[in-house]
N, C-alpha and C. Protein backbone atom coordinates (compact mmCIF):
# COMPACT_ATOMS: atom_id res chain seq x y z
N MET A 1 -10.77 -75.85 -52.04
CA MET A 1 -11.43 -74.59 -51.70
C MET A 1 -11.68 -74.34 -50.24
N ILE A 2 -13.51 -75.08 -50.47
CA ILE A 2 -14.33 -75.55 -49.98
C ILE A 2 -13.87 -76.41 -48.38
N PHE A 3 -12.90 -77.11 -48.84
CA PHE A 3 -12.56 -78.33 -47.38
C PHE A 3 -11.61 -77.16 -47.04
N PHE A 4 -10.35 -76.52 -46.95
CA PHE A 4 -10.27 -75.24 -46.68
C PHE A 4 -10.91 -74.67 -45.86
N TYR A 5 -11.67 -73.88 -46.43
CA TYR A 5 -12.54 -73.06 -45.85
C TYR A 5 -13.02 -74.10 -44.39
N CYS A 6 -13.21 -75.00 -44.35
CA CYS A 6 -14.10 -75.73 -43.54
C CYS A 6 -12.76 -76.12 -41.79
N ILE A 7 -12.22 -76.08 -42.62
CA ILE A 7 -10.87 -76.74 -41.86
C ILE A 7 -10.87 -75.30 -40.83
N GLU A 8 -10.30 -74.10 -41.76
CA GLU A 8 -10.12 -72.51 -41.02
C GLU A 8 -11.20 -72.64 -40.12
N PHE A 9 -12.77 -72.57 -40.48
CA PHE A 9 -13.71 -72.17 -39.79
C PHE A 9 -13.79 -72.96 -38.51
N LEU A 10 -13.17 -74.78 -38.64
CA LEU A 10 -12.91 -75.20 -37.45
C LEU A 10 -12.52 -75.09 -36.29
N LEU A 11 -11.08 -74.65 -36.98
CA LEU A 11 -9.96 -74.02 -36.45
C LEU A 11 -10.27 -72.43 -35.81
N CYS A 12 -10.60 -71.92 -36.23
CA CYS A 12 -11.44 -70.60 -35.21
C CYS A 12 -12.61 -70.45 -34.37
N THR A 13 -13.16 -71.50 -34.66
CA THR A 13 -14.31 -72.04 -33.73
C THR A 13 -13.46 -72.49 -32.81
N VAL A 14 -12.84 -73.75 -32.28
CA VAL A 14 -11.98 -74.23 -31.28
C VAL A 14 -10.79 -73.13 -30.34
N LEU A 15 -10.30 -72.14 -31.34
CA LEU A 15 -9.60 -71.27 -30.69
C LEU A 15 -10.62 -70.49 -30.01
N LEU A 16 -12.21 -69.84 -30.74
CA LEU A 16 -12.54 -69.29 -29.97
C LEU A 16 -13.07 -69.52 -28.43
N ILE A 17 -13.55 -70.73 -28.36
CA ILE A 17 -14.02 -72.08 -27.63
C ILE A 17 -12.91 -71.50 -26.45
N THR A 18 -11.39 -71.91 -26.74
CA THR A 18 -10.22 -72.44 -26.08
C THR A 18 -10.23 -70.64 -25.04
N LEU A 19 -10.27 -70.08 -26.24
CA LEU A 19 -9.87 -68.31 -25.68
C LEU A 19 -11.38 -67.77 -24.46
N ASN A 20 -12.14 -68.50 -24.84
CA ASN A 20 -13.90 -68.16 -23.81
C ASN A 20 -13.72 -68.92 -23.04
N MET A 21 -13.12 -69.93 -22.37
CA MET A 21 -13.08 -70.74 -21.55
C MET A 21 -11.95 -70.62 -20.59
N SER A 22 -10.45 -69.94 -21.16
CA SER A 22 -9.68 -69.53 -20.55
C SER A 22 -9.84 -68.23 -19.64
N TYR A 23 -10.79 -67.51 -20.16
CA TYR A 23 -11.40 -65.30 -20.16
C TYR A 23 -12.62 -65.94 -18.68
N ASN A 24 -13.05 -66.94 -19.22
CA ASN A 24 -14.65 -68.32 -18.20
C ASN A 24 -13.37 -67.99 -16.88
N GLY A 25 -11.97 -68.30 -17.22
CA GLY A 25 -11.34 -69.39 -15.30
C GLY A 25 -10.54 -67.89 -15.30
N ILE A 26 -10.40 -67.19 -16.11
CA ILE A 26 -9.32 -65.74 -15.13
C ILE A 26 -10.34 -64.98 -14.53
N LEU A 27 -11.68 -64.94 -15.43
CA LEU A 27 -13.05 -64.43 -14.32
C LEU A 27 -13.23 -65.10 -13.31
N LEU A 28 -12.96 -66.23 -13.37
CA LEU A 28 -13.44 -67.06 -11.74
C LEU A 28 -12.51 -66.95 -10.72
N VAL A 29 -11.56 -67.13 -11.06
CA VAL A 29 -10.40 -66.74 -9.97
C VAL A 29 -10.41 -65.49 -9.96
N VAL A 30 -10.30 -64.34 -10.58
CA VAL A 30 -10.49 -63.01 -10.08
C VAL A 30 -11.83 -63.01 -8.81
N ILE A 31 -12.94 -63.30 -9.23
CA ILE A 31 -14.08 -63.00 -9.18
C ILE A 31 -13.91 -64.37 -7.41
N ALA A 32 -13.49 -65.02 -7.48
CA ALA A 32 -12.64 -66.27 -6.45
C ALA A 32 -11.65 -64.99 -5.29
N ASP A 33 -11.07 -64.65 -6.13
CA ASP A 33 -9.73 -64.13 -5.40
C ASP A 33 -10.36 -62.61 -4.01
N ILE A 34 -11.43 -62.27 -5.16
CA ILE A 34 -12.92 -60.96 -4.86
C ILE A 34 -13.07 -61.76 -2.86
N ILE A 35 -13.57 -62.82 -3.66
CA ILE A 35 -14.78 -63.34 -2.30
C ILE A 35 -13.68 -63.61 -0.78
N TYR A 36 -12.49 -64.40 -1.74
CA TYR A 36 -11.88 -64.97 0.14
C TYR A 36 -10.32 -64.28 0.12
């Protein structure tokens, strides 16, 4: 049960990091689009 919880926590962390990076990437593209 604890092992399953750890795996779920790791997956959620990876998912959050991936979403955050993609969100930052989109934000950078939008900012670059406004500047240029």
